N, C-alpha and C. Protein backbone atom coordinates (compact mmCIF):
# COMPACT_ATOMS: atom_id res chain seq x y z
N UNK A 1 127.38 196.94 51.44
CA UNK A 1 128.11 195.71 51.54
C UNK A 1 127.19 194.55 51.93
N UNK A 2 126.30 194.77 52.89
CA UNK A 2 125.35 193.76 53.32
C UNK A 2 124.41 193.40 52.18
N UNK A 3 124.02 194.41 51.42
CA UNK A 3 123.10 194.18 50.31
C UNK A 3 123.76 193.31 49.23
N UNK A 4 125.03 193.54 48.94
CA UNK A 4 125.71 192.75 47.92
C UNK A 4 125.91 191.31 48.38
N UNK A 5 126.16 191.08 49.68
CA UNK A 5 126.28 189.71 50.20
C UNK A 5 124.95 188.99 50.12
N UNK A 6 123.89 189.70 50.42
CA UNK A 6 122.56 189.10 50.36
C UNK A 6 122.22 188.72 48.92
N UNK A 7 122.54 189.62 48.00
CA UNK A 7 122.29 189.32 46.59
C UNK A 7 123.15 188.17 46.12
N UNK A 8 124.40 188.13 46.55
CA UNK A 8 125.30 187.04 46.17
C UNK A 8 124.79 185.71 46.72
N UNK A 9 124.36 185.69 47.97
CA UNK A 9 123.82 184.46 48.58
C UNK A 9 122.55 184.03 47.86
N UNK A 10 121.69 184.97 47.53
CA UNK A 10 120.46 184.64 46.82
C UNK A 10 120.77 184.09 45.44
N UNK A 11 121.75 184.67 44.76
CA UNK A 11 122.12 184.18 43.43
C UNK A 11 122.71 182.77 43.52
N UNK A 12 123.52 182.53 44.55
CA UNK A 12 124.10 181.19 44.72
C UNK A 12 123.01 180.16 45.01
N UNK A 13 122.07 180.53 45.87
CA UNK A 13 120.97 179.62 46.18
C UNK A 13 120.11 179.35 44.95
N UNK A 14 119.86 180.37 44.17
CA UNK A 14 119.05 180.21 42.96
C UNK A 14 119.77 179.31 41.95
N UNK A 15 121.08 179.49 41.83
CA UNK A 15 121.86 178.65 40.92
C UNK A 15 121.84 177.19 41.37
N UNK A 16 122.02 176.97 42.68
CA UNK A 16 121.98 175.62 43.21
C UNK A 16 120.61 174.98 42.99
N UNK A 17 119.56 175.73 43.28
CA UNK A 17 118.20 175.21 43.10
C UNK A 17 117.94 174.89 41.62
N UNK A 18 118.35 175.78 40.73
CA UNK A 18 118.15 175.54 39.30
C UNK A 18 118.90 174.30 38.84
N UNK A 19 120.09 174.09 39.40
CA UNK A 19 120.86 172.89 39.05
C UNK A 19 120.18 171.62 39.53
N UNK A 20 119.64 171.66 40.73
CA UNK A 20 118.94 170.49 41.26
C UNK A 20 117.63 170.24 40.53
N UNK A 21 116.92 171.31 40.20
CA UNK A 21 115.64 171.16 39.52
C UNK A 21 115.82 170.65 38.10
N UNK A 22 116.97 170.89 37.51
CA UNK A 22 117.22 170.44 36.15
C UNK A 22 117.60 168.98 36.04
N UNK A 23 117.86 168.33 37.18
CA UNK A 23 118.24 166.93 37.17
C UNK A 23 117.01 166.05 36.91
N UNK A 24 117.13 165.07 36.03
CA UNK A 24 115.99 164.18 35.81
C UNK A 24 115.74 163.31 37.05
N UNK A 25 114.50 162.98 37.27
CA UNK A 25 114.15 162.11 38.39
C UNK A 25 114.66 160.70 38.11
N UNK A 26 115.09 160.02 39.13
CA UNK A 26 115.54 158.64 38.96
C UNK A 26 114.32 157.75 38.82
N UNK A 27 114.18 157.19 37.66
CA UNK A 27 113.01 156.35 37.39
C UNK A 27 113.44 154.89 37.37
N UNK A 28 114.05 154.46 38.45
CA UNK A 28 114.53 153.09 38.55
C UNK A 28 113.41 152.20 39.07
N UNK A 29 113.17 151.12 38.36
CA UNK A 29 112.16 150.15 38.81
C UNK A 29 112.86 149.13 39.70
N UNK A 30 112.36 148.97 40.89
CA UNK A 30 112.93 148.02 41.83
C UNK A 30 111.95 146.87 41.97
N UNK A 31 112.43 145.67 41.71
CA UNK A 31 111.58 144.48 41.78
C UNK A 31 111.94 143.64 42.99
N UNK A 32 110.93 143.01 43.53
CA UNK A 32 111.09 142.01 44.58
C UNK A 32 110.33 140.79 44.08
N UNK A 33 111.05 139.85 43.48
CA UNK A 33 110.40 138.71 42.83
C UNK A 33 109.63 139.19 41.62
N UNK A 34 108.35 138.88 41.56
CA UNK A 34 107.51 139.31 40.43
C UNK A 34 106.83 140.64 40.69
N UNK A 35 107.09 141.22 41.86
CA UNK A 35 106.41 142.45 42.26
C UNK A 35 107.34 143.66 42.21
N UNK A 36 106.75 144.79 41.85
CA UNK A 36 107.47 146.06 41.85
C UNK A 36 107.26 146.75 43.19
N UNK A 37 108.35 147.29 43.73
CA UNK A 37 108.28 148.01 44.99
C UNK A 37 107.80 149.43 44.70
N UNK A 38 106.69 149.83 45.32
CA UNK A 38 106.15 151.17 45.14
C UNK A 38 105.93 151.79 46.51
N UNK A 39 105.59 153.07 46.52
CA UNK A 39 105.29 153.74 47.78
C UNK A 39 104.07 153.13 48.46
N UNK A 40 103.15 152.58 47.68
CA UNK A 40 101.93 151.98 48.22
C UNK A 40 102.13 150.53 48.64
N UNK A 41 103.25 149.93 48.28
CA UNK A 41 103.51 148.53 48.59
C UNK A 41 103.95 147.79 47.34
N UNK A 42 103.83 146.48 47.37
CA UNK A 42 104.24 145.65 46.24
C UNK A 42 103.06 145.46 45.28
N UNK A 43 103.35 145.61 43.97
CA UNK A 43 102.35 145.31 42.95
C UNK A 43 103.01 144.46 41.87
N UNK A 44 102.30 143.47 41.39
CA UNK A 44 102.82 142.62 40.34
C UNK A 44 102.77 143.37 39.02
N UNK A 45 103.90 143.41 38.31
CA UNK A 45 103.97 144.11 37.03
C UNK A 45 104.61 143.21 35.98
N UNK A 46 104.25 143.40 34.71
CA UNK A 46 104.87 142.61 33.64
C UNK A 46 106.40 142.80 33.59
N UNK A 47 106.88 144.01 33.91
CA UNK A 47 108.32 144.28 33.90
C UNK A 47 109.05 143.35 34.88
N UNK A 48 108.55 143.30 36.10
CA UNK A 48 109.18 142.47 37.12
C UNK A 48 108.98 140.99 36.84
N UNK A 49 107.83 140.63 36.30
CA UNK A 49 107.61 139.23 35.92
C UNK A 49 108.63 138.79 34.88
N UNK A 50 108.88 139.64 33.87
CA UNK A 50 109.86 139.31 32.84
C UNK A 50 111.27 139.19 33.43
N UNK A 51 111.62 140.08 34.35
CA UNK A 51 112.92 139.99 35.01
C UNK A 51 113.05 138.68 35.78
N UNK A 52 112.00 138.32 36.48
CA UNK A 52 112.00 137.09 37.28
C UNK A 52 112.12 135.86 36.38
N UNK A 53 111.32 135.82 35.32
CA UNK A 53 111.39 134.71 34.38
C UNK A 53 112.78 134.60 33.77
N UNK A 54 113.35 135.73 33.39
CA UNK A 54 114.68 135.72 32.79
C UNK A 54 115.71 135.15 33.76
N UNK A 55 115.61 135.55 35.02
CA UNK A 55 116.55 135.05 36.03
C UNK A 55 116.39 133.54 36.22
N UNK A 56 115.16 133.05 36.29
CA UNK A 56 114.91 131.62 36.50
C UNK A 56 115.37 130.81 35.28
N UNK A 57 115.07 131.31 34.08
CA UNK A 57 115.36 130.57 32.85
C UNK A 57 116.78 130.80 32.33
N UNK A 58 117.49 131.81 32.87
CA UNK A 58 118.84 132.09 32.38
C UNK A 58 118.85 132.86 31.08
N UNK A 59 117.83 133.68 30.86
CA UNK A 59 117.72 134.50 29.64
C UNK A 59 117.98 135.96 29.98
N UNK A 60 118.12 136.77 28.93
CA UNK A 60 118.27 138.22 29.09
C UNK A 60 116.89 138.84 29.23
N UNK A 61 116.68 139.62 30.29
CA UNK A 61 115.36 140.19 30.57
C UNK A 61 114.90 141.14 29.47
N UNK A 62 115.79 141.97 28.96
CA UNK A 62 115.42 142.92 27.90
C UNK A 62 115.00 142.17 26.65
N UNK A 63 115.67 141.08 26.35
CA UNK A 63 115.33 140.29 25.16
C UNK A 63 113.94 139.67 25.32
N UNK A 64 113.63 139.19 26.51
CA UNK A 64 112.31 138.60 26.77
C UNK A 64 111.22 139.65 26.63
N UNK A 65 111.48 140.85 27.17
CA UNK A 65 110.48 141.92 27.07
C UNK A 65 110.21 142.33 25.64
N UNK A 66 111.22 142.29 24.79
CA UNK A 66 111.10 142.77 23.41
C UNK A 66 110.72 141.69 22.41
N UNK A 67 110.64 140.44 22.84
CA UNK A 67 110.37 139.36 21.91
C UNK A 67 109.45 138.32 22.57
N UNK A 68 108.16 138.38 22.27
CA UNK A 68 107.23 137.41 22.88
C UNK A 68 107.58 135.96 22.56
N UNK A 69 108.15 135.70 21.40
CA UNK A 69 108.53 134.33 21.06
C UNK A 69 109.66 133.84 21.97
N UNK A 70 110.59 134.72 22.29
CA UNK A 70 111.68 134.36 23.20
C UNK A 70 111.14 134.12 24.61
N UNK A 71 110.13 134.89 25.00
CA UNK A 71 109.50 134.68 26.30
C UNK A 71 108.86 133.28 26.34
N UNK A 72 108.21 132.89 25.26
CA UNK A 72 107.63 131.54 25.18
C UNK A 72 108.73 130.48 25.24
N UNK A 73 109.86 130.74 24.58
CA UNK A 73 110.99 129.81 24.64
C UNK A 73 111.51 129.67 26.06
N UNK A 74 111.59 130.81 26.78
CA UNK A 74 112.06 130.77 28.17
C UNK A 74 111.09 129.96 29.02
N UNK A 75 109.80 130.14 28.79
CA UNK A 75 108.80 129.37 29.54
C UNK A 75 108.93 127.89 29.23
N UNK A 76 109.18 127.56 27.99
CA UNK A 76 109.37 126.17 27.61
C UNK A 76 110.63 125.61 28.26
N UNK A 77 111.67 126.44 28.36
CA UNK A 77 112.94 126.00 28.93
C UNK A 77 112.82 125.68 30.42
N UNK A 78 111.98 126.41 31.13
CA UNK A 78 111.85 126.15 32.57
C UNK A 78 110.99 124.94 32.86
N UNK A 79 110.25 124.50 31.85
CA UNK A 79 109.47 123.27 32.00
C UNK A 79 108.46 123.34 33.12
N UNK A 80 108.66 122.54 34.15
CA UNK A 80 107.68 122.39 35.23
C UNK A 80 107.95 123.28 36.44
N UNK A 81 108.76 124.30 36.29
CA UNK A 81 109.11 125.14 37.44
C UNK A 81 107.90 125.95 37.90
N UNK A 82 107.38 125.60 39.05
CA UNK A 82 106.16 126.20 39.57
C UNK A 82 106.33 127.69 39.89
N UNK A 83 107.57 128.16 40.07
CA UNK A 83 107.81 129.57 40.40
C UNK A 83 107.35 130.52 39.30
N UNK A 84 107.26 130.03 38.07
CA UNK A 84 106.87 130.89 36.94
C UNK A 84 105.57 130.45 36.30
N UNK A 85 104.79 129.64 37.01
CA UNK A 85 103.55 129.10 36.45
C UNK A 85 102.59 130.21 36.01
N UNK A 86 102.40 131.22 36.84
CA UNK A 86 101.49 132.31 36.49
C UNK A 86 102.01 133.13 35.32
N UNK A 87 103.31 133.36 35.27
CA UNK A 87 103.91 134.15 34.19
C UNK A 87 103.80 133.41 32.87
N UNK A 88 103.99 132.10 32.91
CA UNK A 88 104.06 131.31 31.67
C UNK A 88 102.74 130.68 31.27
N UNK A 89 101.68 130.97 31.97
CA UNK A 89 100.40 130.37 31.63
C UNK A 89 100.07 130.67 30.17
N UNK A 90 99.92 129.62 29.38
CA UNK A 90 99.61 129.77 27.96
C UNK A 90 100.83 130.00 27.09
N UNK A 91 102.03 129.98 27.67
CA UNK A 91 103.24 130.22 26.87
C UNK A 91 104.21 129.05 26.90
N UNK A 92 103.72 127.85 27.03
CA UNK A 92 104.60 126.70 27.01
C UNK A 92 104.83 126.08 28.37
N UNK A 93 104.19 126.59 29.41
CA UNK A 93 104.36 126.01 30.74
C UNK A 93 103.68 124.66 30.79
N UNK A 94 104.40 123.66 31.26
CA UNK A 94 103.88 122.29 31.29
C UNK A 94 103.57 121.84 32.72
N UNK A 95 103.57 122.75 33.67
CA UNK A 95 103.42 122.36 35.08
C UNK A 95 102.12 121.66 35.40
N UNK A 96 101.06 121.96 34.70
CA UNK A 96 99.76 121.33 35.00
C UNK A 96 99.59 119.98 34.33
N UNK A 97 100.53 119.56 33.50
CA UNK A 97 100.42 118.26 32.85
C UNK A 97 100.43 117.12 33.86
N UNK A 98 101.08 117.32 34.98
CA UNK A 98 101.15 116.30 36.02
C UNK A 98 99.76 115.93 36.52
N UNK A 99 98.87 116.91 36.61
CA UNK A 99 97.55 116.68 37.17
C UNK A 99 96.55 116.16 36.12
N UNK A 100 96.94 116.10 34.88
CA UNK A 100 96.01 115.65 33.83
C UNK A 100 96.07 114.15 33.60
N UNK A 101 96.99 113.47 34.22
CA UNK A 101 97.14 112.03 33.97
C UNK A 101 96.06 111.24 34.64
């Protein structure tokens, strides 16, 4: 009787472990501004930059990531917004025009 309970408990534990091991890892990217939150700290990534630009410009982030022309349009739409100057460098950002006069 003890042996059958031990086997039953082992089988239940193995089934539970197999169920947990079969679950895909959550690969959610968490952004804080233009930076991605990682175990090592914050790192600037194109994914988070696109999310940030989309939020500032009022565009869809997935659309910006998949269409470089739309990203340039978003940069043009924000005009002189210094928050996206680094992201939009060379893509229609006009923020430095003030200093060229």
